[in-house]
N, C-alpha and C. Protein backbone atom coordinates (compact mmCIF):
# COMPACT_ATOMS: atom_id res chain seq x y z
N MET A 1 0.93 -1.08 0.13
CA MET A 1 -0.06 0.04 0.05
C MET A 1 0.87 1.31 -0.04
N LEU A 2 0.49 2.13 -0.97
CA LEU A 2 1.40 3.33 -0.83
C LEU A 2 0.70 4.41 0.14
N ILE A 3 1.66 5.09 0.66
CA ILE A 3 1.41 6.14 1.49
C ILE A 3 1.64 7.48 0.79
N ARG A 4 0.47 8.20 0.89
CA ARG A 4 0.54 9.49 0.21
C ARG A 4 1.02 10.59 1.32
N ALA A 5 1.75 11.63 0.66
CA ALA A 5 2.16 12.76 1.49
C ALA A 5 0.95 13.50 1.94
N LYS A 6 1.03 13.84 3.11
CA LYS A 6 -0.10 14.77 3.70
C LYS A 6 -0.22 16.03 2.72
N GLY A 7 -1.72 16.05 2.45
CA GLY A 7 -2.04 17.27 1.61
C GLY A 7 -2.00 17.00 0.16
N ALA A 8 -1.50 15.81 -0.15
CA ALA A 8 -1.54 15.30 -1.77
C ALA A 8 -2.97 14.97 -2.07
N ARG A 9 -3.46 15.44 -3.27
CA ARG A 9 -4.75 15.14 -3.77
C ARG A 9 -4.67 13.91 -4.87
N ARG A 10 -5.85 13.05 -4.69
CA ARG A 10 -5.75 12.00 -5.59
C ARG A 10 -6.47 12.47 -7.00
N ALA A 11 -5.87 12.23 -7.99
CA ALA A 11 -6.55 12.59 -9.26
C ALA A 11 -6.79 11.23 -10.14
N PHE A 12 -7.65 11.52 -11.18
CA PHE A 12 -8.04 10.19 -11.99
C PHE A 12 -6.57 10.10 -12.91
N THR A 13 -6.48 8.93 -13.12
CA THR A 13 -5.39 8.52 -14.06
C THR A 13 -5.66 8.78 -15.52
N LEU A 14 -4.89 8.71 -16.39
CA LEU A 14 -5.25 8.83 -17.97
C LEU A 14 -5.95 7.61 -18.34
N VAL A 15 -5.65 6.40 -17.89
CA VAL A 15 -6.42 5.16 -18.05
C VAL A 15 -7.95 5.23 -17.56
N GLU A 16 -8.09 5.72 -16.43
CA GLU A 16 -9.43 5.95 -15.92
C GLU A 16 -10.16 6.88 -16.90
N VAL A 17 -9.68 7.88 -17.07
CA VAL A 17 -10.35 8.94 -18.08
C VAL A 17 -10.68 8.43 -19.31
N MET A 18 -9.63 7.54 -20.01
CA MET A 18 -10.01 6.97 -21.35
C MET A 18 -11.14 6.12 -21.12
N ILE A 19 -11.24 5.26 -20.18
CA ILE A 19 -12.12 4.29 -19.80
C ILE A 19 -13.58 4.89 -19.75
N ALA A 20 -13.60 5.93 -19.06
CA ALA A 20 -14.86 6.85 -18.88
C ALA A 20 -15.49 7.24 -20.21
N ILE A 21 -14.42 7.93 -20.98
CA ILE A 21 -14.81 8.48 -22.43
C ILE A 21 -15.22 7.27 -23.26
N ALA A 22 -14.65 5.98 -23.14
CA ALA A 22 -15.04 5.08 -24.05
C ALA A 22 -16.53 4.53 -23.62
N LEU A 23 -16.82 4.49 -22.39
CA LEU A 23 -18.00 4.03 -21.82
C LEU A 23 -19.19 5.11 -22.34
N VAL A 24 -18.89 6.14 -22.20
CA VAL A 24 -19.90 7.26 -22.79
C VAL A 24 -20.02 7.28 -24.23
N ALA A 25 -19.02 6.98 -24.91
CA ALA A 25 -19.10 6.91 -26.53
C ALA A 25 -19.93 5.66 -26.78
N ALA A 26 -19.71 4.52 -26.26
CA ALA A 26 -20.39 3.33 -26.44
C ALA A 26 -21.93 3.44 -26.17
N LEU A 27 -22.17 4.14 -25.03
CA LEU A 27 -23.79 4.45 -24.59
C LEU A 27 -24.24 5.35 -25.74
N ALA A 28 -23.53 6.43 -26.38
CA ALA A 28 -24.12 7.28 -27.24
C ALA A 28 -24.16 6.51 -28.49
N ALA A 29 -23.43 5.49 -28.83
CA ALA A 29 -23.45 4.88 -30.08
C ALA A 29 -24.67 4.07 -30.24
N VAL A 30 -25.08 3.50 -28.96
CA VAL A 30 -26.22 2.66 -28.87
C VAL A 30 -27.54 3.51 -28.79
N MET A 31 -27.48 4.73 -28.03
CA MET A 31 -28.70 5.49 -27.86
C MET A 31 -29.18 6.36 -29.08
N VAL A 32 -28.16 6.92 -29.82
CA VAL A 32 -28.40 8.03 -30.94
C VAL A 32 -29.35 7.29 -31.92
N PRO A 33 -29.07 6.06 -32.34
CA PRO A 33 -29.87 5.52 -33.52
C PRO A 33 -31.32 5.20 -32.94
N THR A 34 -31.35 4.72 -31.74
CA THR A 34 -32.51 4.52 -31.01
C THR A 34 -33.50 5.70 -30.93
N ILE A 35 -32.97 6.82 -30.66
CA ILE A 35 -33.63 8.08 -30.22
C ILE A 35 -34.09 8.64 -31.75
N ARG A 36 -33.23 8.53 -32.69
CA ARG A 36 -33.52 8.95 -34.13
C ARG A 36 -34.72 8.36 -34.65
N GLY A 37 -34.67 6.99 -34.44
CA GLY A 37 -35.70 6.00 -35.07
C GLY A 37 -37.04 6.37 -34.46
N ARG A 38 -36.97 6.74 -33.00
CA ARG A 38 -38.41 7.01 -32.34
C ARG A 38 -38.72 8.37 -32.71
N LEU A 39 -37.87 9.37 -33.13
CA LEU A 39 -38.39 10.66 -33.67
C LEU A 39 -38.77 10.52 -35.03
N GLN A 40 -38.31 9.70 -35.82
CA GLN A 40 -38.75 9.51 -37.21
C GLN A 40 -40.15 8.80 -37.07
N ASP A 41 -40.39 7.75 -36.11
CA ASP A 41 -41.72 7.13 -36.08
C ASP A 41 -42.63 8.12 -35.67
N ALA A 42 -42.28 9.09 -34.62
CA ALA A 42 -43.32 10.10 -34.14
C ALA A 42 -43.66 11.02 -35.19
N TYR A 43 -42.62 11.48 -36.06
CA TYR A 43 -42.97 12.35 -37.25
C TYR A 43 -43.96 11.66 -38.11
N GLU A 44 -43.74 10.44 -38.46
CA GLU A 44 -44.68 9.80 -39.50
C GLU A 44 -45.96 9.64 -38.85
N ASN A 45 -45.99 9.22 -37.57
CA ASN A 45 -47.30 9.04 -36.80
C ASN A 45 -48.10 10.53 -36.80
N ALA A 46 -47.32 11.70 -36.79
CA ALA A 46 -48.06 12.92 -36.82
C ALA A 46 -48.67 13.22 -38.10
N ILE A 47 -47.94 12.78 -39.27
CA ILE A 47 -48.48 12.99 -40.49
C ILE A 47 -49.69 11.98 -40.62
N VAL A 48 -49.76 10.75 -40.25
CA VAL A 48 -50.80 9.79 -40.35
C VAL A 48 -52.05 10.37 -39.65
N GLU A 49 -51.62 11.09 -38.32
CA GLU A 49 -52.84 11.73 -37.62
C GLU A 49 -53.45 12.80 -38.22
N GLU A 50 -52.58 13.79 -38.85
CA GLU A 50 -53.08 14.90 -39.51
C GLU A 50 -53.98 14.43 -40.54
N LEU A 51 -53.68 13.41 -41.47
CA LEU A 51 -54.30 12.98 -42.45
C LEU A 51 -55.71 12.30 -42.04
N THR A 52 -55.69 11.62 -41.03
CA THR A 52 -56.84 10.94 -40.48
C THR A 52 -57.90 11.93 -39.99
N ASN A 53 -57.34 12.96 -39.32
CA ASN A 53 -58.12 14.07 -38.73
C ASN A 53 -58.83 14.77 -39.96
N LEU A 54 -58.14 15.05 -40.98
CA LEU A 54 -58.59 15.80 -42.18
C LEU A 54 -59.71 15.09 -42.86
N THR A 55 -59.47 13.54 -42.82
CA THR A 55 -60.61 12.72 -43.51
C THR A 55 -61.85 12.95 -42.71
N ALA A 56 -61.80 13.00 -41.31
CA ALA A 56 -62.91 12.94 -40.42
C ALA A 56 -63.47 14.30 -40.59
N ALA A 57 -62.84 15.19 -40.76
CA ALA A 57 -63.25 16.70 -40.98
C ALA A 57 -63.99 16.90 -42.29
N VAL A 58 -63.38 16.16 -43.32
CA VAL A 58 -64.10 16.35 -44.58
C VAL A 58 -65.57 15.62 -44.64
N GLN A 59 -65.35 14.59 -43.92
CA GLN A 59 -66.79 13.76 -43.92
C GLN A 59 -67.69 14.46 -42.87
N ALA A 60 -67.25 15.09 -41.98
CA ALA A 60 -68.25 15.84 -41.01
C ALA A 60 -68.91 17.00 -41.85
N TYR A 61 -67.92 17.74 -42.47
CA TYR A 61 -68.42 18.90 -43.43
C TYR A 61 -69.41 18.44 -44.40
N ARG A 62 -69.02 17.29 -45.00
CA ARG A 62 -70.17 16.83 -45.99
C ARG A 62 -71.27 16.39 -45.40
N GLN A 63 -71.36 15.79 -44.28
CA GLN A 63 -72.56 15.34 -43.65
C GLN A 63 -73.32 16.53 -43.16
N ASP A 64 -72.81 17.74 -42.76
CA ASP A 64 -73.40 19.03 -42.28
C ASP A 64 -74.02 19.75 -43.53
N VAL A 65 -73.05 20.15 -44.45
CA VAL A 65 -73.38 21.04 -45.56
C VAL A 65 -74.08 20.27 -46.66
N GLY A 66 -73.63 18.84 -46.93
CA GLY A 66 -74.32 18.18 -48.06
C GLY A 66 -73.48 18.33 -49.14
N LYS A 67 -72.34 18.90 -49.29
CA LYS A 67 -71.43 19.11 -50.36
C LYS A 67 -70.03 18.82 -49.71
N TYR A 68 -69.07 18.53 -50.66
CA TYR A 68 -67.76 18.50 -50.27
C TYR A 68 -67.09 19.86 -50.28
N PRO A 69 -65.93 20.00 -49.42
CA PRO A 69 -65.34 21.35 -49.41
C PRO A 69 -64.46 21.47 -50.59
N PRO A 70 -64.46 22.77 -51.23
CA PRO A 70 -63.48 22.87 -52.45
C PRO A 70 -61.97 22.98 -51.96
N ALA A 71 -61.95 23.38 -50.73
CA ALA A 71 -60.44 23.49 -50.27
C ALA A 71 -60.34 23.28 -48.77
N LEU A 72 -59.26 22.91 -48.25
CA LEU A 72 -59.08 22.59 -46.98
C LEU A 72 -59.49 23.72 -45.89
N ASP A 73 -59.33 25.01 -46.34
CA ASP A 73 -59.55 26.11 -45.62
C ASP A 73 -60.92 26.27 -45.12
N TYR A 74 -61.98 25.61 -46.00
CA TYR A 74 -63.32 25.51 -45.57
C TYR A 74 -63.61 24.72 -44.27
N LEU A 75 -62.73 23.88 -43.87
CA LEU A 75 -62.77 23.17 -42.62
C LEU A 75 -62.55 23.96 -41.31
N SER A 76 -61.78 25.02 -41.55
CA SER A 76 -61.58 25.83 -40.31
C SER A 76 -62.48 27.19 -40.36
N ALA A 77 -62.95 27.60 -41.51
CA ALA A 77 -63.83 28.78 -41.52
C ALA A 77 -64.44 28.86 -42.91
N LEU A 78 -65.77 29.25 -42.84
CA LEU A 78 -66.41 29.36 -44.20
C LEU A 78 -66.34 30.66 -44.85
N ARG A 79 -65.94 30.77 -46.08
CA ARG A 79 -65.62 31.93 -46.80
C ARG A 79 -66.77 32.95 -46.95
N ALA A 80 -66.73 34.02 -47.26
CA ALA A 80 -67.79 35.03 -47.37
C ALA A 80 -68.80 34.62 -48.49
N SER A 81 -68.21 34.05 -49.52
CA SER A 81 -69.03 33.60 -50.57
C SER A 81 -68.75 32.18 -50.96
N PRO A 82 -69.22 31.18 -50.03
CA PRO A 82 -68.63 29.82 -50.24
C PRO A 82 -69.15 29.32 -51.41
N VAL A 83 -68.61 28.30 -52.05
CA VAL A 83 -68.96 27.43 -53.06
C VAL A 83 -68.59 25.88 -52.79
N ASP A 84 -69.20 25.01 -53.71
CA ASP A 84 -68.88 23.67 -53.39
C ASP A 84 -67.90 23.20 -54.28
N ARG A 85 -67.44 21.91 -54.32
CA ARG A 85 -66.14 21.48 -55.01
C ARG A 85 -66.35 21.70 -56.47
N CYS A 86 -67.81 21.87 -57.08
CA CYS A 86 -67.92 21.99 -58.54
C CYS A 86 -67.91 23.57 -58.83
N GLY A 87 -67.82 24.30 -57.84
CA GLY A 87 -67.82 25.76 -58.05
C GLY A 87 -69.23 26.38 -57.84
N VAL A 88 -70.07 25.72 -57.66
CA VAL A 88 -71.53 26.30 -57.50
C VAL A 88 -71.65 26.82 -56.02
N ALA A 89 -72.25 27.95 -55.89
CA ALA A 89 -72.37 28.74 -54.71
C ALA A 89 -73.33 27.96 -53.81
N LEU A 90 -72.75 27.74 -52.52
CA LEU A 90 -73.69 27.10 -51.46
C LEU A 90 -74.91 27.88 -51.21
N SER A 91 -75.91 27.04 -51.03
CA SER A 91 -77.27 27.63 -50.64
C SER A 91 -77.27 28.23 -49.19
N ALA A 92 -78.19 29.10 -48.96
CA ALA A 92 -78.33 29.81 -47.58
C ALA A 92 -78.42 28.62 -46.55
N SER A 93 -79.22 27.61 -46.87
CA SER A 93 -79.55 26.55 -45.86
C SER A 93 -78.27 25.67 -45.65
N ALA A 94 -77.44 25.57 -46.81
CA ALA A 94 -76.33 24.85 -46.53
C ALA A 94 -75.24 25.52 -45.78
N GLN A 95 -75.21 26.78 -45.97
CA GLN A 95 -74.28 27.66 -45.22
C GLN A 95 -74.77 27.76 -43.69
N ALA A 96 -75.99 27.64 -43.33
CA ALA A 96 -76.63 27.63 -42.14
C ALA A 96 -76.20 26.21 -41.35
N ASN A 97 -76.13 25.32 -42.24
CA ASN A 97 -75.91 23.87 -41.50
C ASN A 97 -74.36 23.73 -41.31
N TRP A 98 -73.51 24.66 -41.74
CA TRP A 98 -72.12 24.57 -41.47
C TRP A 98 -71.89 24.57 -39.85
N ARG A 99 -71.16 23.59 -39.40
CA ARG A 99 -71.15 23.42 -37.86
C ARG A 99 -69.62 23.60 -37.43
N GLY A 100 -68.80 24.11 -38.31
CA GLY A 100 -67.37 24.13 -38.07
C GLY A 100 -67.09 25.09 -36.92
N PRO A 101 -65.73 25.18 -36.66
CA PRO A 101 -64.73 24.68 -37.43
C PRO A 101 -64.51 23.22 -37.13
N TYR A 102 -64.21 22.35 -38.24
CA TYR A 102 -64.15 20.97 -38.23
C TYR A 102 -62.59 20.53 -37.93
N VAL A 103 -61.70 21.50 -37.79
CA VAL A 103 -60.34 21.25 -37.32
C VAL A 103 -59.97 22.13 -36.25
N SER A 104 -58.94 21.65 -35.57
CA SER A 104 -58.58 22.62 -34.38
C SER A 104 -57.46 23.75 -34.77
N ARG A 105 -56.98 23.59 -35.99
CA ARG A 105 -55.99 24.55 -36.39
C ARG A 105 -56.52 25.44 -37.39
N ALA A 106 -56.02 26.60 -37.60
CA ALA A 106 -56.59 27.50 -38.76
C ALA A 106 -55.81 27.13 -40.02
N ILE A 107 -56.52 26.83 -41.02
CA ILE A 107 -55.90 26.59 -42.26
C ILE A 107 -55.96 27.65 -43.15
N PRO A 108 -54.99 28.29 -43.64
CA PRO A 108 -55.02 29.31 -44.49
C PRO A 108 -55.67 29.00 -46.01
N ASN A 109 -56.00 29.99 -46.52
CA ASN A 109 -56.60 29.62 -47.97
C ASN A 109 -55.54 30.01 -48.88
N SER A 110 -54.23 29.87 -48.63
CA SER A 110 -53.23 30.00 -49.50
C SER A 110 -52.75 28.62 -50.08
N SER A 111 -51.47 28.78 -50.32
CA SER A 111 -50.92 27.43 -50.93
C SER A 111 -50.85 26.18 -50.13
N GLY A 112 -50.86 26.40 -48.77
CA GLY A 112 -50.83 25.19 -47.94
C GLY A 112 -50.33 25.65 -46.41
N TYR A 113 -50.17 24.65 -45.51
CA TYR A 113 -49.62 24.93 -44.16
C TYR A 113 -48.58 23.98 -43.87
N VAL A 114 -47.88 24.31 -42.75
CA VAL A 114 -46.89 23.29 -42.47
C VAL A 114 -47.44 22.41 -41.36
N VAL A 115 -47.15 21.07 -41.52
CA VAL A 115 -47.51 20.05 -40.64
C VAL A 115 -46.17 19.25 -40.35
N ALA A 116 -46.15 18.74 -39.01
CA ALA A 116 -45.06 17.89 -38.43
C ALA A 116 -43.79 18.86 -38.32
N GLN A 117 -43.93 20.15 -38.32
CA GLN A 117 -42.83 21.15 -38.16
C GLN A 117 -41.90 21.27 -39.43
N LYS A 118 -42.32 20.59 -40.46
CA LYS A 118 -41.34 20.79 -41.66
C LYS A 118 -41.87 20.46 -43.04
N ASP A 119 -43.12 19.82 -43.12
CA ASP A 119 -43.58 19.48 -44.44
C ASP A 119 -44.75 20.42 -44.69
N THR A 120 -44.90 20.83 -45.93
CA THR A 120 -46.20 21.71 -46.52
C THR A 120 -47.24 20.72 -46.86
N MET A 121 -48.49 20.84 -46.29
CA MET A 121 -49.79 20.16 -46.75
C MET A 121 -50.50 21.10 -47.45
N ALA A 122 -50.90 20.68 -48.53
CA ALA A 122 -52.00 21.40 -49.48
C ALA A 122 -52.83 20.72 -50.19
N ASP A 123 -54.13 21.14 -50.34
CA ASP A 123 -55.11 20.34 -51.04
C ASP A 123 -55.00 20.65 -52.57
N VAL A 124 -55.10 19.60 -53.32
CA VAL A 124 -54.85 19.53 -54.69
C VAL A 124 -56.24 18.96 -55.21
N ILE A 125 -57.30 19.81 -55.54
CA ILE A 125 -58.46 19.37 -55.91
C ILE A 125 -58.74 19.73 -57.39
N THR A 126 -58.69 18.78 -58.31
CA THR A 126 -58.79 18.93 -59.66
C THR A 126 -59.82 18.09 -60.42
N ALA A 127 -60.49 18.61 -61.27
CA ALA A 127 -61.35 17.71 -62.15
C ALA A 127 -60.61 16.74 -63.07
N ASN A 128 -61.27 15.66 -63.32
CA ASN A 128 -60.55 14.64 -64.20
C ASN A 128 -60.63 15.08 -65.67
N SER A 129 -60.18 14.43 -66.58
CA SER A 129 -60.12 14.72 -67.97
C SER A 129 -61.51 14.91 -68.53
N SER A 130 -62.63 14.34 -68.04
CA SER A 130 -63.91 14.44 -68.61
C SER A 130 -64.57 15.83 -68.02
N GLY A 131 -63.97 16.33 -67.15
CA GLY A 131 -64.55 17.68 -66.64
C GLY A 131 -65.43 17.40 -65.40
N GLN A 132 -65.51 16.07 -65.05
CA GLN A 132 -66.38 15.70 -63.79
C GLN A 132 -65.58 15.90 -62.51
N PRO A 133 -66.23 16.18 -61.49
CA PRO A 133 -65.42 16.14 -60.31
C PRO A 133 -64.39 14.99 -59.95
N PRO A 134 -63.42 15.23 -59.27
CA PRO A 134 -62.57 14.10 -59.00
C PRO A 134 -63.31 13.13 -58.20
N VAL A 135 -62.60 11.76 -58.24
CA VAL A 135 -63.26 10.77 -57.39
C VAL A 135 -62.39 10.84 -56.10
N GLY A 136 -62.16 11.86 -55.46
CA GLY A 136 -61.48 11.93 -54.35
C GLY A 136 -60.86 13.34 -54.09
N ILE A 137 -60.57 13.59 -52.92
CA ILE A 137 -60.08 14.96 -52.60
C ILE A 137 -58.58 14.65 -52.26
N PHE A 138 -57.70 15.28 -52.90
CA PHE A 138 -56.24 14.97 -53.03
C PHE A 138 -55.53 15.92 -52.01
N ILE A 139 -54.85 15.36 -51.04
CA ILE A 139 -54.23 16.26 -50.16
C ILE A 139 -52.79 15.92 -50.39
N ARG A 140 -51.89 16.98 -50.83
CA ARG A 140 -50.61 16.66 -51.26
C ARG A 140 -49.67 17.11 -50.03
N ILE A 141 -48.68 16.31 -49.56
CA ILE A 141 -47.75 16.83 -48.61
C ILE A 141 -46.39 16.92 -49.52
N GLN A 142 -45.78 18.06 -49.30
CA GLN A 142 -44.45 18.27 -50.06
C GLN A 142 -43.34 18.54 -49.02
N GLY A 143 -42.27 17.93 -49.23
CA GLY A 143 -41.07 18.05 -48.31
C GLY A 143 -40.71 16.77 -47.50
N THR A 144 -41.39 15.64 -47.60
CA THR A 144 -41.20 14.52 -47.12
C THR A 144 -39.86 13.91 -47.75
N ASP A 145 -39.27 12.82 -47.15
CA ASP A 145 -38.32 11.93 -47.75
C ASP A 145 -38.95 10.65 -48.02
N THR A 146 -38.06 9.98 -48.89
CA THR A 146 -38.63 8.65 -49.38
C THR A 146 -38.91 7.75 -48.38
N MET A 147 -38.12 7.66 -47.28
CA MET A 147 -38.36 6.78 -46.25
C MET A 147 -39.72 7.11 -45.43
N THR A 148 -39.92 8.49 -45.29
CA THR A 148 -41.16 8.82 -44.56
C THR A 148 -42.35 8.58 -45.57
N ALA A 149 -42.46 8.73 -46.77
CA ALA A 149 -43.34 8.54 -47.82
C ALA A 149 -43.75 6.89 -47.72
N HIS A 150 -42.66 6.15 -47.70
CA HIS A 150 -42.87 4.74 -47.84
C HIS A 150 -43.47 4.31 -46.56
N ASN A 151 -43.08 4.68 -45.27
CA ASN A 151 -43.53 4.32 -44.08
C ASN A 151 -45.13 4.78 -43.77
N VAL A 152 -45.21 6.13 -44.40
CA VAL A 152 -46.73 6.60 -44.15
C VAL A 152 -47.67 5.77 -44.99
N ASP A 153 -47.00 5.27 -46.23
CA ASP A 153 -47.80 4.48 -47.19
C ASP A 153 -48.24 3.22 -46.46
N ILE A 154 -47.32 2.48 -45.77
CA ILE A 154 -47.57 1.26 -45.13
C ILE A 154 -48.45 1.51 -43.84
N LYS A 155 -48.23 2.45 -43.18
CA LYS A 155 -49.40 2.65 -42.04
C LYS A 155 -50.66 2.98 -42.38
N LEU A 156 -50.91 3.57 -43.54
CA LEU A 156 -52.25 3.81 -43.99
C LEU A 156 -52.80 2.89 -44.91
N ASP A 157 -52.13 2.31 -45.90
CA ASP A 157 -52.70 1.52 -46.86
C ASP A 157 -52.23 0.02 -46.49
N GLY A 158 -51.24 -0.27 -45.61
CA GLY A 158 -50.73 -1.57 -45.43
C GLY A 158 -49.68 -2.38 -46.30
N LEU A 159 -49.66 -1.46 -47.45
CA LEU A 159 -48.69 -2.20 -48.58
C LEU A 159 -47.92 -1.00 -49.08
N PRO A 160 -46.60 -1.18 -49.24
CA PRO A 160 -45.64 -0.10 -49.70
C PRO A 160 -45.73 0.09 -51.41
N ILE A 161 -46.81 0.23 -51.79
CA ILE A 161 -47.01 0.42 -53.35
C ILE A 161 -47.36 1.88 -53.47
N ALA A 162 -46.28 2.64 -54.08
CA ALA A 162 -46.33 4.00 -54.26
C ALA A 162 -47.39 4.45 -55.39
N THR A 163 -47.94 3.61 -56.06
CA THR A 163 -48.79 4.11 -57.22
C THR A 163 -50.14 3.78 -57.00
N GLN A 164 -50.58 2.96 -55.88
CA GLN A 164 -51.94 2.44 -55.64
C GLN A 164 -52.35 2.55 -54.24
N GLY A 165 -53.63 2.66 -54.16
CA GLY A 165 -54.16 2.75 -52.63
C GLY A 165 -54.49 4.24 -52.33
N GLN A 166 -54.69 4.49 -51.03
CA GLN A 166 -55.13 5.92 -50.62
C GLN A 166 -53.97 6.89 -50.65
N VAL A 167 -52.68 6.32 -50.51
CA VAL A 167 -51.61 7.10 -50.44
C VAL A 167 -50.62 6.74 -51.53
N ARG A 168 -50.37 7.87 -52.41
CA ARG A 168 -49.49 7.63 -53.54
C ARG A 168 -48.63 8.72 -53.40
N TRP A 169 -47.28 8.26 -53.82
CA TRP A 169 -46.12 9.10 -53.76
C TRP A 169 -45.21 8.94 -54.77
N ALA A 170 -44.55 10.03 -55.19
CA ALA A 170 -43.57 9.97 -56.33
C ALA A 170 -42.41 10.78 -56.12
N ILE A 171 -41.22 10.72 -56.60
CA ILE A 171 -40.07 11.64 -56.59
C ILE A 171 -40.10 12.26 -57.86
N SER A 172 -39.70 13.71 -57.64
CA SER A 172 -39.80 14.48 -58.77
C SER A 172 -38.36 15.38 -58.56
N GLY A 173 -37.44 15.16 -59.26
CA GLY A 173 -36.15 15.69 -58.93
C GLY A 173 -35.61 15.26 -57.53
N THR A 174 -35.28 16.39 -56.91
CA THR A 174 -35.08 16.14 -55.38
C THR A 174 -36.19 16.11 -54.35
N SER A 175 -37.41 16.31 -54.90
CA SER A 175 -38.54 16.40 -54.00
C SER A 175 -39.38 15.19 -53.89
N VAL A 176 -40.14 14.78 -52.87
CA VAL A 176 -40.98 13.72 -52.82
C VAL A 176 -42.27 14.33 -52.57
N PHE A 177 -43.24 13.93 -53.45
CA PHE A 177 -44.73 14.29 -53.34
C PHE A 177 -45.47 13.17 -52.71
N LEU A 178 -46.18 13.35 -51.58
CA LEU A 178 -47.00 12.20 -51.08
C LEU A 178 -48.39 12.87 -51.20
N ASP A 179 -49.24 12.11 -51.91
CA ASP A 179 -50.74 12.38 -52.22
C ASP A 179 -51.58 11.56 -51.40
N TYR A 180 -52.41 12.04 -50.73
CA TYR A 180 -53.39 11.20 -49.83
C TYR A 180 -54.73 11.56 -50.48
N ILE A 181 -55.52 10.39 -50.59
CA ILE A 181 -56.78 10.56 -51.47
C ILE A 181 -58.01 10.23 -50.50
N ILE A 182 -58.75 11.35 -50.10
CA ILE A 182 -60.03 10.88 -49.48
C ILE A 182 -61.13 10.67 -50.29
N PRO A 183 -61.45 9.42 -50.39
CA PRO A 183 -62.56 9.03 -51.51
C PRO A 183 -63.82 9.67 -51.39
N THR A 184 -64.45 10.04 -52.45
CA THR A 184 -65.62 10.63 -52.55
C THR A 184 -66.51 9.85 -53.51
N LYS A 185 -67.88 10.13 -53.38
CA LYS A 185 -68.67 9.51 -54.50
C LYS A 185 -68.44 10.12 -56.00
N SER A 186 -68.46 9.32 -56.76
CA SER A 186 -68.24 9.68 -58.24
C SER A 186 -69.30 10.79 -58.67
N GLY A 187 -68.74 11.96 -59.14
CA GLY A 187 -69.62 12.92 -59.73
C GLY A 187 -70.28 13.82 -58.55
N ALA A 188 -69.87 13.44 -57.30
CA ALA A 188 -70.47 14.33 -56.07
C ALA A 188 -69.64 15.63 -55.99
N CYS A 189 -70.58 16.73 -55.68
CA CYS A 189 -69.80 17.86 -55.49
C CYS A 189 -69.80 18.28 -53.86
């Protein structure tokens, strides 16, 4: 046993410090991928929840007003001169039946709004080639990555097929566009 001189302090040796650093690095190497995976899963779940809530809101709007909304902003506030999906003015009774807001967030009537703190969500409601109303309300999410689009597709459709089902996505240059389709009756406004 070594005898220390009175007043001498014991310090960590270089080996002890290196072992402590190695342990912290090993823990970080295990924890960082797990935390990133959980954050990615929570991000995907936020997108799925937003799309599910918008579907329920569109269905509630249709049940109250009798027509489908022409844009997502109709779910948070009715415009001064509201129209249906086909561009026909809503009747006074249909306007009186509006029981909104159907969503908790304010949706601007511009090009879209941010969801999950980084992606832009916008409605893309277009007529088909015959001029009839589309057989669905298309909600486009711009700014996702391919892994997110793939995983959201699996969570909502059950299969990772990018061109079929309620969720469709494609890569355009460096951007990924994810389209979610809320089914509607054919020809219904």
